[in-house]
Amino acid sequence: MGKIALSLLLLTSLAYAKEWRLHINGMHCIACTLAVKKALMGVSGVQEAKVNFKNESAIVITDEKVTLRMMQDSVAQTGYSAIAQK
């Protein structure tokens, strides 16, 4: 019974998830990706963040309450800037 409830909770949370694709200006090494990922994961409602310094991008999975501005502000505190990609 517990596994079913957990599965339903997970499916419900994924149903309301949003995927963001961001361009992160200024990343040039692995340490940069770690700093940006930590900043993104620190935003309440961010469920997952994959950051790639080679193409200066991030894919972020969030709940419906997270805004672009929230992520941009958090990334800016690390010295980088985030721009939404279409």
PDB file of N, CA and C in Angstrom:
ATOM      1  N   MET A   1       0.824  -1.195   0.000  1.00  0.00           N
ATOM      2  CA  MET A   1       0.000   0.000   0.000  1.00  0.00           C
ATOM      3  C   MET A   1       0.866   1.257   0.000  1.00  0.00           C
ATOM      4  N   GLY A   2       1.959   1.266   0.782  1.00  0.00           N
ATOM      5  CA  GLY A   2       2.841   2.419   0.852  1.00  0.00           C
ATOM      6  C   GLY A   2       3.524   2.710  -0.477  1.00  0.00           C
ATOM      7  N   LYS A   3       3.923   1.644  -1.183  1.00  0.00           N
ATOM      8  CA  LYS A   3       4.589   1.824  -2.476  1.00  0.00           C
ATOM      9  C   LYS A   3       3.646   2.439  -3.498  1.00  0.00           C
ATOM     10  N   ILE A   4       2.389   2.049  -3.453  1.00  0.00           N
ATOM     11  CA  ILE A   4       1.401   2.603  -4.384  1.00  0.00           C
ATOM     12  C   ILE A   4       1.187   4.085  -4.106  1.00  0.00           C
ATOM     13  N   ALA A   5       1.067   4.442  -2.838  1.00  0.00           N
ATOM     14  CA  ALA A   5       0.872   5.847  -2.476  1.00  0.00           C
ATOM     15  C   ALA A   5       2.073   6.678  -2.895  1.00  0.00           C
ATOM     16  N   LEU A   6       3.288   6.148  -2.683  1.00  0.00           N
ATOM     17  CA  LEU A   6       4.499   6.861  -3.077  1.00  0.00           C
ATOM     18  C   LEU A   6       4.562   7.025  -4.591  1.00  0.00           C
ATOM     19  N   SER A   7       4.188   5.980  -5.324  1.00  0.00           N
ATOM     20  CA  SER A   7       4.175   6.052  -6.787  1.00  0.00           C
ATOM     21  C   SER A   7       3.186   7.098  -7.281  1.00  0.00           C
ATOM     22  N   LEU A   8       2.013   7.144  -6.677  1.00  0.00           N
ATOM     23  CA  LEU A   8       1.011   8.141  -7.064  1.00  0.00           C
ATOM     24  C   LEU A   8       1.497   9.549  -6.756  1.00  0.00           C
ATOM     25  N   LEU A   9       2.164   9.711  -5.612  1.00  0.00           N
ATOM     26  CA  LEU A   9       2.707  11.016  -5.246  1.00  0.00           C
ATOM     27  C   LEU A   9       3.760  11.454  -6.253  1.00  0.00           C
ATOM     28  N   LEU A  10       4.637  10.538  -6.647  1.00  0.00           N
ATOM     29  CA  LEU A  10       5.668  10.842  -7.628  1.00  0.00           C
ATOM     30  C   LEU A  10       5.050  11.204  -8.971  1.00  0.00           C
ATOM     31  N   LEU A  11       4.076  10.443  -9.422  1.00  0.00           N
ATOM     32  CA  LEU A  11       3.408  10.740 -10.695  1.00  0.00           C
ATOM     33  C   LEU A  11       2.700  12.083 -10.648  1.00  0.00           C
ATOM     34  N   THR A  12       2.081  12.399  -9.523  1.00  0.00           N
ATOM     35  CA  THR A  12       1.404  13.685  -9.377  1.00  0.00           C
ATOM     36  C   THR A  12       2.404  14.821  -9.448  1.00  0.00           C
ATOM     37  N   SER A  13       3.549  14.670  -8.775  1.00  0.00           N
ATOM     38  CA  SER A  13       4.538  15.745  -8.794  1.00  0.00           C
ATOM     39  C   SER A  13       5.132  15.915 -10.183  1.00  0.00           C
ATOM     40  N   LEU A  14       5.328  14.820 -10.914  1.00  0.00           N
ATOM     41  CA  LEU A  14       5.856  14.922 -12.271  1.00  0.00           C
ATOM     42  C   LEU A  14       4.843  15.536 -13.225  1.00  0.00           C
ATOM     43  N   ALA A  15       3.572  15.314 -12.976  1.00  0.00           N
ATOM     44  CA  ALA A  15       2.533  15.877 -13.834  1.00  0.00           C
ATOM     45  C   ALA A  15       2.540  17.396 -13.782  1.00  0.00           C
ATOM     46  N   TYR A  16       2.960  17.962 -12.665  1.00  0.00           N
ATOM     47  CA  TYR A  16       2.998  19.406 -12.516  1.00  0.00           C
ATOM     48  C   TYR A  16       4.404  19.969 -12.702  1.00  0.00           C
ATOM     49  N   ALA A  17       5.324  19.158 -13.184  1.00  0.00           N
ATOM     50  CA  ALA A  17       6.698  19.598 -13.381  1.00  0.00           C
ATOM     51  C   ALA A  17       6.824  20.386 -14.682  1.00  0.00           C
ATOM     52  N   LYS A  18       7.781  21.290 -14.679  1.00  0.00           N
ATOM     53  CA  LYS A  18       8.063  22.093 -15.862  1.00  0.00           C
ATOM     54  C   LYS A  18       9.542  21.940 -16.184  1.00  0.00           C
ATOM     55  N   GLU A  19       9.869  21.846 -17.474  1.00  0.00           N
ATOM     56  CA  GLU A  19      11.263  21.764 -17.896  1.00  0.00           C
ATOM     57  C   GLU A  19      11.698  23.103 -18.462  1.00  0.00           C
ATOM     58  N   TRP A  20      12.780  23.618 -17.939  1.00  0.00           N
ATOM     59  CA  TRP A  20      13.364  24.875 -18.399  1.00  0.00           C
ATOM     60  C   TRP A  20      14.694  24.565 -19.077  1.00  0.00           C
ATOM     61  N   ARG A  21      14.978  25.251 -20.160  1.00  0.00           N
ATOM     62  CA  ARG A  21      16.291  25.181 -20.810  1.00  0.00           C
ATOM     63  C   ARG A  21      16.897  26.571 -20.706  1.00  0.00           C
ATOM     64  N   LEU A  22      18.048  26.619 -20.061  1.00  0.00           N
ATOM     65  CA  LEU A  22      18.691  27.901 -19.800  1.00  0.00           C
ATOM     66  C   LEU A  22      20.058  27.969 -20.461  1.00  0.00           C
ATOM     67  N   HIS A  23      20.418  29.146 -20.929  1.00  0.00           N
ATOM     68  CA  HIS A  23      21.787  29.423 -21.357  1.00  0.00           C
ATOM     69  C   HIS A  23      22.461  30.103 -20.173  1.00  0.00           C
ATOM     70  N   ILE A  24      23.600  29.574 -19.745  1.00  0.00           N
ATOM     71  CA  ILE A  24      24.334  30.128 -18.611  1.00  0.00           C
ATOM     72  C   ILE A  24      25.593  30.791 -19.155  1.00  0.00           C
ATOM     73  N   ASN A  25      25.665  32.106 -19.056  1.00  0.00           N
ATOM     74  CA  ASN A  25      26.807  32.853 -19.581  1.00  0.00           C
ATOM     75  C   ASN A  25      28.006  32.759 -18.650  1.00  0.00           C
ATOM     76  N   GLY A  26      29.180  32.467 -19.229  1.00  0.00           N
ATOM     77  CA  GLY A  26      30.433  32.567 -18.505  1.00  0.00           C
ATOM     78  C   GLY A  26      31.010  31.289 -17.934  1.00  0.00           C
ATOM     79  N   MET A  27      30.341  30.175 -18.063  1.00  0.00           N
ATOM     80  CA  MET A  27      30.893  28.929 -17.517  1.00  0.00           C
ATOM     81  C   MET A  27      32.041  28.448 -18.397  1.00  0.00           C
ATOM     82  N   HIS A  28      33.118  27.961 -17.754  1.00  0.00           N
ATOM     83  CA  HIS A  28      34.246  27.470 -18.531  1.00  0.00           C
ATOM     84  C   HIS A  28      34.917  26.229 -17.933  1.00  0.00           C
ATOM     85  N   CYS A  29      34.377  25.703 -16.824  1.00  0.00           N
ATOM     86  CA  CYS A  29      35.000  24.533 -16.213  1.00  0.00           C
ATOM     87  C   CYS A  29      33.990  23.757 -15.367  1.00  0.00           C
ATOM     88  N   ILE A  30      34.439  22.609 -14.874  1.00  0.00           N
ATOM     89  CA  ILE A  30      33.585  21.757 -14.044  1.00  0.00           C
ATOM     90  C   ILE A  30      33.173  22.482 -12.769  1.00  0.00           C
ATOM     91  N   ALA A  31      34.082  23.242 -12.178  1.00  0.00           N
ATOM     92  CA  ALA A  31      33.748  23.973 -10.946  1.00  0.00           C
ATOM     93  C   ALA A  31      32.596  24.948 -11.193  1.00  0.00           C
ATOM     94  N   CYS A  32      32.558  25.525 -12.378  1.00  0.00           N
ATOM     95  CA  CYS A  32      31.459  26.432 -12.732  1.00  0.00           C
ATOM     96  C   CYS A  32      30.130  25.684 -12.716  1.00  0.00           C
ATOM     97  N   THR A  33      30.125  24.493 -13.302  1.00  0.00           N
ATOM     98  CA  THR A  33      28.880  23.728 -13.352  1.00  0.00           C
ATOM     99  C   THR A  33      28.402  23.358 -11.954  1.00  0.00           C
ATOM    100  N   LEU A  34      29.344  23.024 -11.079  1.00  0.00           N
ATOM    101  CA  LEU A  34      28.965  22.660  -9.710  1.00  0.00           C
ATOM    102  C   LEU A  34      28.354  23.846  -8.976  1.00  0.00           C
ATOM    103  N   ALA A  35      28.933  25.034  -9.168  1.00  0.00           N
ATOM    104  CA  ALA A  35      28.405  26.238  -8.519  1.00  0.00           C
ATOM    105  C   ALA A  35      27.008  26.574  -9.031  1.00  0.00           C
ATOM    106  N   VAL A  36      26.821  26.482 -10.345  1.00  0.00           N
ATOM    107  CA  VAL A  36      25.516  26.795 -10.933  1.00  0.00           C
ATOM    108  C   VAL A  36      24.480  25.754 -10.515  1.00  0.00           C
ATOM    109  N   LYS A  37      24.868  24.485 -10.535  1.00  0.00           N
ATOM    110  CA  LYS A  37      23.927  23.435 -10.121  1.00  0.00           C
ATOM    111  C   LYS A  37      23.514  23.629  -8.663  1.00  0.00           C
ATOM    112  N   LYS A  38      24.470  23.928  -7.805  1.00  0.00           N
ATOM    113  CA  LYS A  38      24.159  24.155  -6.390  1.00  0.00           C
ATOM    114  C   LYS A  38      23.194  25.326  -6.237  1.00  0.00           C
ATOM    115  N   ALA A  39      23.420  26.386  -7.004  1.00  0.00           N
ATOM    116  CA  ALA A  39      22.537  27.556  -6.947  1.00  0.00           C
ATOM    117  C   ALA A  39      21.127  27.199  -7.405  1.00  0.00           C
ATOM    118  N   LEU A  40      21.024  26.470  -8.503  1.00  0.00           N
ATOM    119  CA  LEU A  40      19.706  26.089  -9.019  1.00  0.00           C
ATOM    120  C   LEU A  40      18.980  25.145  -8.062  1.00  0.00           C
ATOM    121  N   MET A  41      19.700  24.176  -7.517  1.00  0.00           N
ATOM    122  CA  MET A  41      19.079  23.223  -6.590  1.00  0.00           C
ATOM    123  C   MET A  41      18.674  23.893  -5.281  1.00  0.00           C
ATOM    124  N   GLY A  42      19.246  25.051  -5.004  1.00  0.00           N
ATOM    125  CA  GLY A  42      18.892  25.797  -3.804  1.00  0.00           C
ATOM    126  C   GLY A  42      17.581  26.554  -3.922  1.00  0.00           C
ATOM    127  N   VAL A  43      17.042  26.631  -5.126  1.00  0.00           N
ATOM    128  CA  VAL A  43      15.759  27.308  -5.338  1.00  0.00           C
ATOM    129  C   VAL A  43      14.638  26.353  -4.925  1.00  0.00           C
ATOM    130  N   SER A  44      13.785  26.809  -4.041  1.00  0.00           N
ATOM    131  CA  SER A  44      12.673  25.977  -3.580  1.00  0.00           C
ATOM    132  C   SER A  44      11.767  25.613  -4.754  1.00  0.00           C
ATOM    133  N   GLY A  45      11.545  24.317  -4.951  1.00  0.00           N
ATOM    134  CA  GLY A  45      10.707  23.856  -6.051  1.00  0.00           C
ATOM    135  C   GLY A  45      11.488  23.270  -7.209  1.00  0.00           C
ATOM    136  N   VAL A  46      12.815  23.452  -7.208  1.00  0.00           N
ATOM    137  CA  VAL A  46      13.638  22.827  -8.246  1.00  0.00           C
ATOM    138  C   VAL A  46      13.822  21.363  -7.869  1.00  0.00           C
ATOM    139  N   GLN A  47      13.491  20.481  -8.806  1.00  0.00           N
ATOM    140  CA  GLN A  47      13.564  19.045  -8.552  1.00  0.00           C
ATOM    141  C   GLN A  47      14.842  18.427  -9.098  1.00  0.00           C
ATOM    142  N   GLU A  48      15.352  18.977 -10.198  1.00  0.00           N
ATOM    143  CA  GLU A  48      16.549  18.437 -10.827  1.00  0.00           C
ATOM    144  C   GLU A  48      17.191  19.522 -11.678  1.00  0.00           C
ATOM    145  N   ALA A  49      18.525  19.522 -11.723  1.00  0.00           N
ATOM    146  CA  ALA A  49      19.251  20.464 -12.578  1.00  0.00           C
ATOM    147  C   ALA A  49      20.438  19.742 -13.201  1.00  0.00           C
ATOM    148  N   LYS A  50      20.517  19.783 -14.515  1.00  0.00           N
ATOM    149  CA  LYS A  50      21.654  19.222 -15.245  1.00  0.00           C
ATOM    150  C   LYS A  50      22.348  20.392 -15.929  1.00  0.00           C
ATOM    151  N   VAL A  51      23.621  20.579 -15.607  1.00  0.00           N
ATOM    152  CA  VAL A  51      24.363  21.737 -16.102  1.00  0.00           C
ATOM    153  C   VAL A  51      25.538  21.245 -16.940  1.00  0.00           C
ATOM    154  N   ASN A  52      25.773  21.890 -18.098  1.00  0.00           N
ATOM    155  CA  ASN A  52      26.838  21.510 -19.016  1.00  0.00           C
ATOM    156  C   ASN A  52      27.668  22.742 -19.351  1.00  0.00           C
ATOM    157  N   PHE A  53      28.949  22.738 -18.939  1.00  0.00           N
ATOM    158  CA  PHE A  53      29.777  23.921 -19.202  1.00  0.00           C
ATOM    159  C   PHE A  53      30.211  24.014 -20.658  1.00  0.00           C
ATOM    160  N   LYS A  54      30.322  22.893 -21.361  1.00  0.00           N
ATOM    161  CA  LYS A  54      30.791  22.925 -22.750  1.00  0.00           C
ATOM    162  C   LYS A  54      29.862  23.719 -23.651  1.00  0.00           C
ATOM    163  N   ASN A  55      28.552  23.571 -23.443  1.00  0.00           N
ATOM    164  CA  ASN A  55      27.622  24.361 -24.260  1.00  0.00           C
ATOM    165  C   ASN A  55      26.911  25.427 -23.434  1.00  0.00           C
ATOM    166  N   GLU A  56      27.446  25.692 -22.240  1.00  0.00           N
ATOM    167  CA  GLU A  56      26.926  26.739 -21.349  1.00  0.00           C
ATOM    168  C   GLU A  56      25.408  26.646 -21.192  1.00  0.00           C
ATOM    169  N   SER A  57      24.933  25.456 -20.824  1.00  0.00           N
ATOM    170  CA  SER A  57      23.488  25.279 -20.720  1.00  0.00           C
ATOM    171  C   SER A  57      23.097  24.556 -19.438  1.00  0.00           C
ATOM    172  N   ALA A  58      21.822  24.662 -19.130  1.00  0.00           N
ATOM    173  CA  ALA A  58      21.249  23.923 -18.007  1.00  0.00           C
ATOM    174  C   ALA A  58      19.839  23.493 -18.388  1.00  0.00           C
ATOM    175  N   ILE A  59      19.487  22.298 -17.975  1.00  0.00           N
ATOM    176  CA  ILE A  59      18.116  21.812 -18.081  1.00  0.00           C
ATOM    177  C   ILE A  59      17.638  21.643 -16.651  1.00  0.00           C
ATOM    178  N   VAL A  60      16.545  22.316 -16.328  1.00  0.00           N
ATOM    179  CA  VAL A  60      16.068  22.354 -14.950  1.00  0.00           C
ATOM    180  C   VAL A  60      14.617  21.882 -14.914  1.00  0.00           C
ATOM    181  N   ILE A  61      14.335  20.952 -14.021  1.00  0.00           N
ATOM    182  CA  ILE A  61      12.973  20.457 -13.805  1.00  0.00           C
ATOM    183  C   ILE A  61      12.472  21.076 -12.506  1.00  0.00           C
ATOM    184  N   THR A  62      11.322  21.740 -12.590  1.00  0.00           N
ATOM    185  CA  THR A  62      10.791  22.448 -11.426  1.00  0.00           C
ATOM    186  C   THR A  62       9.311  22.149 -11.241  1.00  0.00           C
ATOM    187  N   ASP A  63       8.807  22.546 -10.080  1.00  0.00           N
ATOM    188  CA  ASP A  63       7.359  22.520  -9.922  1.00  0.00           C
ATOM    189  C   ASP A  63       6.797  23.792 -10.550  1.00  0.00           C
ATOM    190  N   GLU A  64       5.487  23.920 -10.537  1.00  0.00           N
ATOM    191  CA  GLU A  64       4.830  25.034 -11.238  1.00  0.00           C
ATOM    192  C   GLU A  64       5.038  26.381 -10.566  1.00  0.00           C
ATOM    193  N   LYS A  65       5.543  26.405  -9.347  1.00  0.00           N
ATOM    194  CA  LYS A  65       5.700  27.665  -8.624  1.00  0.00           C
ATOM    195  C   LYS A  65       7.017  28.375  -8.922  1.00  0.00           C
ATOM    196  N   VAL A  66       7.967  27.672  -9.513  1.00  0.00           N
ATOM    197  CA  VAL A  66       9.275  28.262  -9.800  1.00  0.00           C
ATOM    198  C   VAL A  66       9.172  29.166 -11.020  1.00  0.00           C
ATOM    199  N   THR A  67       9.789  30.342 -10.913  1.00  0.00           N
ATOM    200  CA  THR A  67       9.806  31.292 -12.024  1.00  0.00           C
ATOM    201  C   THR A  67      11.220  31.417 -12.579  1.00  0.00           C
ATOM    202  N   LEU A  68      11.304  31.919 -13.786  1.00  0.00           N
ATOM    203  CA  LEU A  68      12.602  32.183 -14.392  1.00  0.00           C
ATOM    204  C   LEU A  68      13.389  33.150 -13.520  1.00  0.00           C
ATOM    205  N   ARG A  69      12.753  34.178 -13.016  1.00  0.00           N
ATOM    206  CA  ARG A  69      13.423  35.184 -12.186  1.00  0.00           C
ATOM    207  C   ARG A  69      14.055  34.554 -10.941  1.00  0.00           C
ATOM    208  N   MET A  70      13.364  33.600 -10.321  1.00  0.00           N
ATOM    209  CA  MET A  70      13.906  32.927  -9.132  1.00  0.00           C
ATOM    210  C   MET A  70      15.225  32.228  -9.474  1.00  0.00           C
ATOM    211  N   MET A  71      15.252  31.537 -10.607  1.00  0.00           N
ATOM    212  CA  MET A  71      16.471  30.837 -11.016  1.00  0.00           C
ATOM    213  C   MET A  71      17.554  31.821 -11.425  1.00  0.00           C
ATOM    214  N   GLN A  72      17.178  32.873 -12.150  1.00  0.00           N
ATOM    215  CA  GLN A  72      18.153  33.879 -12.566  1.00  0.00           C
ATOM    216  C   GLN A  72      18.807  34.549 -11.364  1.00  0.00           C
ATOM    217  N   ASP A  73      18.014  34.892 -10.363  1.00  0.00           N
ATOM    218  CA  ASP A  73      18.555  35.538  -9.168  1.00  0.00           C
ATOM    219  C   ASP A  73      19.529  34.624  -8.439  1.00  0.00           C
ATOM    220  N   SER A  74      19.199  33.355  -8.338  1.00  0.00           N
ATOM    221  CA  SER A  74      20.070  32.405  -7.658  1.00  0.00           C
ATOM    222  C   SER A  74      21.378  32.208  -8.425  1.00  0.00           C
ATOM    223  N   VAL A  75      21.290  32.059  -9.737  1.00  0.00           N
ATOM    224  CA  VAL A  75      22.487  31.894 -10.567  1.00  0.00           C
ATOM    225  C   VAL A  75      23.342  33.162 -10.521  1.00  0.00           C
ATOM    226  N   ALA A  76      22.725  34.321 -10.510  1.00  0.00           N
ATOM    227  CA  ALA A  76      23.461  35.589 -10.472  1.00  0.00           C
ATOM    228  C   ALA A  76      24.319  35.702  -9.217  1.00  0.00           C
ATOM    229  N   GLN A  77      23.883  35.098  -8.131  1.00  0.00           N
ATOM    230  CA  GLN A  77      24.660  35.137  -6.892  1.00  0.00           C
ATOM    231  C   GLN A  77      25.973  34.368  -7.019  1.00  0.00           C
ATOM    232  N   THR A  78      26.092  33.509  -8.025  1.00  0.00           N
ATOM    233  CA  THR A  78      27.336  32.776  -8.258  1.00  0.00           C
ATOM    234  C   THR A  78      28.238  33.498  -9.260  1.00  0.00           C
ATOM    235  N   GLY A  79      27.748  34.601  -9.829  1.00  0.00           N
ATOM    236  CA  GLY A  79      28.548  35.364 -10.775  1.00  0.00           C
ATOM    237  C   GLY A  79      28.247  35.070 -12.237  1.00  0.00           C
ATOM    238  N   TYR A  80      27.220  34.285 -12.498  1.00  0.00           N
ATOM    239  CA  TYR A  80      26.839  33.950 -13.869  1.00  0.00           C
ATOM    240  C   TYR A  80      25.457  34.521 -14.157  1.00  0.00           C
ATOM    241  N   SER A  81      25.065  34.486 -15.417  1.00  0.00           N
ATOM    242  CA  SER A  81      23.709  34.919 -15.756  1.00  0.00           C
ATOM    243  C   SER A  81      23.004  33.800 -16.512  1.00  0.00           C
ATOM    244  N   ALA A  82      21.697  33.726 -16.318  1.00  0.00           N
ATOM    245  CA  ALA A  82      20.884  32.685 -16.949  1.00  0.00           C
ATOM    246  C   ALA A  82      19.838  33.333 -17.839  1.00  0.00           C
ATOM    247  N   ILE A  83      19.716  32.809 -19.056  1.00  0.00           N
ATOM    248  CA  ILE A  83      18.740  33.304 -20.023  1.00  0.00           C
ATOM    249  C   ILE A  83      17.929  32.104 -20.506  1.00  0.00           C
ATOM    250  N   ALA A  84      16.621  32.243 -20.539  1.00  0.00           N
ATOM    251  CA  ALA A  84      15.766  31.148 -21.014  1.00  0.00           C
ATOM    252  C   ALA A  84      16.003  30.917 -22.499  1.00  0.00           C
ATOM    253  N   GLN A  85      16.120  29.650 -22.890  1.00  0.00           N
ATOM    254  CA  GLN A  85      16.229  29.279 -24.292  1.00  0.00           C
ATOM    255  C   GLN A  85      14.865  28.826 -24.764  1.00  0.00           C
ATOM    256  N   LYS A  86      14.605  29.037 -26.038  1.00  0.00           N
ATOM    257  CA  LYS A  86      13.322  28.600 -26.592  1.00  0.00           C
ATOM    258  C   LYS A  86      13.458  27.258 -27.228  1.00  0.00           C
TER     259      LYS A  86
END
